[in-house]
N, C-alpha and C. Protein backbone atom coordinates (compact mmCIF):
# COMPACT_ATOMS: atom_id res chain seq x y z
N MET A 1 25.79 8.73 -24.76
CA MET A 1 26.09 9.35 -26.03
C MET A 1 27.49 8.92 -26.46
N SER A 2 27.62 8.56 -27.71
CA SER A 2 28.95 8.28 -28.22
C SER A 2 29.39 9.47 -29.05
N ARG A 3 30.67 9.72 -29.07
CA ARG A 3 31.21 10.89 -29.76
C ARG A 3 32.42 10.45 -30.56
N VAL A 4 32.45 10.78 -31.81
CA VAL A 4 33.57 10.48 -32.67
C VAL A 4 34.43 11.72 -32.75
N ASN A 5 35.74 11.58 -32.53
CA ASN A 5 36.64 12.73 -32.61
C ASN A 5 37.08 12.93 -34.05
N ALA A 6 36.50 13.93 -34.67
CA ALA A 6 36.81 14.27 -36.06
C ALA A 6 36.37 15.70 -36.30
N PRO A 7 36.87 16.32 -37.34
CA PRO A 7 36.44 17.69 -37.63
C PRO A 7 34.93 17.76 -37.84
N LEU A 8 34.32 18.85 -37.39
CA LEU A 8 32.89 19.02 -37.53
C LEU A 8 32.56 19.66 -38.87
N ASP A 9 31.55 19.15 -39.54
CA ASP A 9 31.05 19.77 -40.75
C ASP A 9 29.54 19.61 -40.80
N ALA A 10 28.91 20.13 -41.82
CA ALA A 10 27.45 20.16 -41.87
C ALA A 10 26.81 18.79 -41.91
N THR A 11 27.53 17.75 -42.24
CA THR A 11 26.93 16.42 -42.32
C THR A 11 27.50 15.45 -41.29
N PHE A 12 28.25 15.94 -40.34
CA PHE A 12 28.92 15.11 -39.37
C PHE A 12 27.97 14.64 -38.27
N VAL A 13 27.99 13.36 -37.98
CA VAL A 13 27.21 12.82 -36.87
C VAL A 13 27.91 13.25 -35.58
N VAL A 14 27.21 14.03 -34.76
CA VAL A 14 27.82 14.55 -33.54
C VAL A 14 27.39 13.81 -32.29
N GLY A 15 26.43 12.92 -32.42
CA GLY A 15 26.02 12.16 -31.25
C GLY A 15 24.98 11.11 -31.58
N LYS A 16 24.88 10.14 -30.70
CA LYS A 16 23.87 9.09 -30.78
C LYS A 16 23.39 8.83 -29.37
N ALA A 17 22.12 8.50 -29.23
CA ALA A 17 21.58 8.24 -27.90
C ALA A 17 20.29 7.44 -27.98
N TRP A 18 20.04 6.64 -26.95
CA TRP A 18 18.75 5.98 -26.79
C TRP A 18 17.82 6.95 -26.10
N ILE A 19 16.68 7.17 -26.70
CA ILE A 19 15.63 7.98 -26.08
C ILE A 19 14.35 7.17 -26.22
N GLY A 20 13.70 6.96 -25.08
CA GLY A 20 12.55 6.07 -25.10
C GLY A 20 13.01 4.70 -25.56
N ASP A 21 12.36 4.15 -26.52
CA ASP A 21 12.71 2.83 -27.04
C ASP A 21 13.41 2.90 -28.39
N ARG A 22 13.91 4.08 -28.75
CA ARG A 22 14.50 4.28 -30.07
C ARG A 22 15.92 4.79 -29.98
N PHE A 23 16.74 4.40 -30.95
CA PHE A 23 18.12 4.85 -31.03
C PHE A 23 18.16 6.00 -32.03
N LEU A 24 18.63 7.17 -31.58
CA LEU A 24 18.63 8.36 -32.41
C LEU A 24 20.04 8.79 -32.77
N ARG A 25 20.14 9.40 -33.95
CA ARG A 25 21.40 9.98 -34.42
C ARG A 25 21.19 11.49 -34.52
N PHE A 26 22.18 12.25 -34.06
CA PHE A 26 22.13 13.71 -34.09
C PHE A 26 23.21 14.21 -35.04
N ASP A 27 22.79 14.92 -36.09
CA ASP A 27 23.71 15.42 -37.11
C ASP A 27 23.84 16.93 -36.99
N ALA A 28 25.07 17.41 -37.11
CA ALA A 28 25.34 18.84 -37.00
C ALA A 28 24.90 19.59 -38.25
N SER A 29 24.51 20.81 -38.03
CA SER A 29 24.28 21.77 -39.11
C SER A 29 24.85 23.09 -38.61
N PHE A 30 26.16 23.21 -38.69
CA PHE A 30 26.83 24.32 -38.03
C PHE A 30 26.70 25.66 -38.73
N CYS A 31 26.08 25.67 -39.91
CA CYS A 31 25.79 26.96 -40.52
C CYS A 31 24.53 27.55 -39.91
N GLN A 32 23.82 26.75 -39.12
CA GLN A 32 22.60 27.17 -38.42
C GLN A 32 22.64 26.61 -37.01
N ALA A 33 21.89 27.21 -36.12
CA ALA A 33 21.84 26.72 -34.74
C ALA A 33 20.77 25.63 -34.63
N ARG A 34 21.03 24.51 -35.29
CA ARG A 34 20.09 23.38 -35.25
C ARG A 34 20.85 22.08 -35.38
N ILE A 35 20.21 21.02 -34.91
CA ILE A 35 20.74 19.67 -35.05
C ILE A 35 19.63 18.80 -35.63
N ARG A 36 19.95 18.11 -36.71
CA ARG A 36 19.01 17.19 -37.35
C ARG A 36 18.96 15.90 -36.54
N VAL A 37 17.77 15.35 -36.39
CA VAL A 37 17.57 14.14 -35.60
C VAL A 37 16.97 13.07 -36.50
N THR A 38 17.61 11.89 -36.52
CA THR A 38 17.09 10.77 -37.30
C THR A 38 17.07 9.52 -36.43
N PHE A 39 16.17 8.60 -36.79
CA PHE A 39 16.21 7.29 -36.17
C PHE A 39 17.42 6.58 -36.75
N ALA A 40 18.22 5.97 -35.92
CA ALA A 40 19.42 5.26 -36.37
C ALA A 40 19.14 3.77 -36.41
N GLY A 41 20.03 3.04 -37.04
CA GLY A 41 19.90 1.59 -37.07
C GLY A 41 19.17 1.12 -38.31
N ALA A 42 18.43 0.03 -38.17
CA ALA A 42 17.75 -0.58 -39.31
C ALA A 42 16.66 0.31 -39.88
N GLU A 43 16.12 1.20 -39.07
CA GLU A 43 15.00 2.05 -39.46
C GLU A 43 15.45 3.50 -39.59
N THR A 44 16.38 3.79 -40.48
CA THR A 44 16.91 5.13 -40.61
C THR A 44 15.94 6.02 -41.37
N ARG A 45 15.42 7.03 -40.67
CA ARG A 45 14.57 8.05 -41.30
C ARG A 45 14.57 9.28 -40.41
N ALA A 46 14.26 10.41 -41.01
CA ALA A 46 14.28 11.68 -40.29
C ALA A 46 13.16 11.75 -39.27
N VAL A 47 13.48 12.29 -38.11
CA VAL A 47 12.48 12.65 -37.12
C VAL A 47 12.16 14.12 -37.30
N GLY A 48 13.22 14.93 -37.40
CA GLY A 48 13.08 16.37 -37.57
C GLY A 48 14.35 17.08 -37.15
N SER A 49 14.20 18.27 -36.63
CA SER A 49 15.36 19.06 -36.19
C SER A 49 15.06 19.77 -34.89
N VAL A 50 16.09 19.90 -34.06
CA VAL A 50 16.01 20.76 -32.89
C VAL A 50 16.60 22.08 -33.34
N ILE A 51 15.79 23.14 -33.28
CA ILE A 51 16.18 24.45 -33.78
C ILE A 51 16.33 25.44 -32.64
N TYR A 52 16.87 26.60 -32.95
CA TYR A 52 17.07 27.69 -31.98
C TYR A 52 17.98 27.26 -30.82
N LEU A 53 18.99 26.46 -31.12
CA LEU A 53 19.89 25.99 -30.06
C LEU A 53 20.75 27.10 -29.48
N ASP A 54 20.81 28.23 -30.13
CA ASP A 54 21.58 29.36 -29.62
C ASP A 54 20.72 30.29 -28.78
N THR A 55 19.52 29.83 -28.39
CA THR A 55 18.62 30.61 -27.55
C THR A 55 18.28 29.83 -26.29
N ASP A 56 17.49 30.45 -25.44
CA ASP A 56 17.03 29.78 -24.22
C ASP A 56 15.81 28.90 -24.46
N GLN A 57 15.27 28.93 -25.68
CA GLN A 57 14.07 28.17 -25.96
C GLN A 57 14.18 27.36 -27.25
N PRO A 58 15.06 26.34 -27.27
CA PRO A 58 15.13 25.49 -28.45
C PRO A 58 13.80 24.75 -28.63
N ALA A 59 13.54 24.34 -29.86
CA ALA A 59 12.27 23.67 -30.16
C ALA A 59 12.53 22.49 -31.10
N LEU A 60 11.68 21.49 -30.99
CA LEU A 60 11.74 20.34 -31.89
C LEU A 60 10.73 20.55 -33.01
N ARG A 61 11.19 20.50 -34.24
CA ARG A 61 10.33 20.55 -35.41
C ARG A 61 10.33 19.16 -36.03
N VAL A 62 9.19 18.51 -35.96
CA VAL A 62 9.05 17.14 -36.44
C VAL A 62 8.73 17.18 -37.93
N SER A 63 9.50 16.42 -38.71
CA SER A 63 9.29 16.39 -40.16
C SER A 63 8.60 15.12 -40.63
N SER A 64 8.41 14.19 -39.73
CA SER A 64 7.81 12.91 -40.08
C SER A 64 6.45 12.78 -39.39
N PRO A 65 5.36 13.00 -40.13
CA PRO A 65 4.03 12.93 -39.51
C PRO A 65 3.75 11.60 -38.81
N ILE A 66 4.27 10.49 -39.35
CA ILE A 66 3.99 9.20 -38.71
C ILE A 66 4.71 9.05 -37.37
N ASP A 67 5.72 9.90 -37.13
CA ASP A 67 6.45 9.83 -35.87
C ASP A 67 6.11 10.98 -34.92
N ALA A 68 5.13 11.80 -35.29
CA ALA A 68 4.80 12.98 -34.49
C ALA A 68 4.38 12.64 -33.06
N GLU A 69 3.58 11.60 -32.90
CA GLU A 69 3.13 11.23 -31.56
C GLU A 69 4.31 10.78 -30.70
N TRP A 70 5.17 9.90 -31.25
CA TRP A 70 6.33 9.43 -30.51
C TRP A 70 7.24 10.61 -30.15
N ALA A 71 7.50 11.47 -31.13
CA ALA A 71 8.37 12.63 -30.89
C ALA A 71 7.77 13.56 -29.84
N GLY A 72 6.47 13.72 -29.86
CA GLY A 72 5.82 14.56 -28.85
C GLY A 72 5.99 14.01 -27.44
N LEU A 73 5.90 12.70 -27.32
CA LEU A 73 6.09 12.06 -26.01
C LEU A 73 7.51 12.20 -25.49
N HIS A 74 8.49 12.29 -26.41
CA HIS A 74 9.90 12.33 -26.03
C HIS A 74 10.57 13.66 -26.36
N CYS A 75 9.75 14.66 -26.61
CA CYS A 75 10.25 15.96 -27.04
C CYS A 75 11.28 16.54 -26.06
N ALA A 76 10.98 16.56 -24.79
CA ALA A 76 11.89 17.16 -23.80
C ALA A 76 13.24 16.44 -23.78
N ALA A 77 13.21 15.11 -23.85
CA ALA A 77 14.47 14.35 -23.84
C ALA A 77 15.28 14.57 -25.11
N ILE A 78 14.60 14.68 -26.25
CA ILE A 78 15.30 14.94 -27.51
C ILE A 78 15.95 16.31 -27.48
N ILE A 79 15.22 17.30 -27.03
CA ILE A 79 15.77 18.66 -26.94
C ILE A 79 16.92 18.71 -25.95
N GLN A 80 16.78 18.06 -24.80
CA GLN A 80 17.86 18.05 -23.80
C GLN A 80 19.13 17.43 -24.37
N GLN A 81 19.00 16.32 -25.09
CA GLN A 81 20.18 15.68 -25.69
C GLN A 81 20.80 16.60 -26.74
N ALA A 82 19.98 17.21 -27.58
CA ALA A 82 20.50 18.13 -28.61
C ALA A 82 21.21 19.32 -27.97
N ARG A 83 20.69 19.84 -26.86
CA ARG A 83 21.35 20.96 -26.17
C ARG A 83 22.72 20.55 -25.64
N ARG A 84 22.82 19.34 -25.08
CA ARG A 84 24.12 18.86 -24.59
C ARG A 84 25.12 18.75 -25.75
N ILE A 85 24.67 18.18 -26.86
CA ILE A 85 25.53 18.02 -28.03
C ILE A 85 25.95 19.38 -28.57
N TRP A 86 25.01 20.31 -28.68
CA TRP A 86 25.31 21.65 -29.18
C TRP A 86 26.32 22.35 -28.28
N ALA A 87 26.13 22.28 -26.97
CA ALA A 87 27.04 22.93 -26.03
C ALA A 87 28.45 22.36 -26.17
N GLU A 88 28.57 21.06 -26.33
CA GLU A 88 29.87 20.42 -26.51
C GLU A 88 30.53 20.90 -27.81
N ALA A 89 29.75 20.98 -28.87
CA ALA A 89 30.28 21.43 -30.16
C ALA A 89 30.74 22.87 -30.08
N VAL A 90 30.00 23.72 -29.42
CA VAL A 90 30.39 25.14 -29.27
C VAL A 90 31.67 25.24 -28.46
N ARG A 91 31.79 24.45 -27.40
CA ARG A 91 33.04 24.46 -26.60
C ARG A 91 34.22 24.05 -27.45
N GLU A 92 34.05 23.03 -28.29
CA GLU A 92 35.15 22.58 -29.16
C GLU A 92 35.52 23.66 -30.17
N CYS A 93 34.53 24.32 -30.72
CA CYS A 93 34.79 25.37 -31.72
C CYS A 93 35.47 26.58 -31.09
N ASP A 94 35.09 26.89 -29.85
CA ASP A 94 35.69 28.04 -29.16
C ASP A 94 37.08 27.74 -28.64
N GLY A 95 37.42 26.48 -28.62
CA GLY A 95 38.76 26.08 -28.20
C GLY A 95 38.84 25.88 -26.76
């Protein structure tokens, strides 16, 4: 995961990671406990969002029907990466 040191806002890229064979970008939405997930690189499009990050049971909501099968295969890894990013962001906000 790469991390850019800058103030966090609702549109800030908070992480990037390879999952499966795809490069993903994770965008913060700090007014809600969710992180938006998009394919990064030449094929930039939304995958969906990892929601309920402030609970013990976050979930992936896929917004791209054509990517639903791929996202389903990599759901656990996407959620795990989003949880790591969320935890890091919360630590930074708490000081």
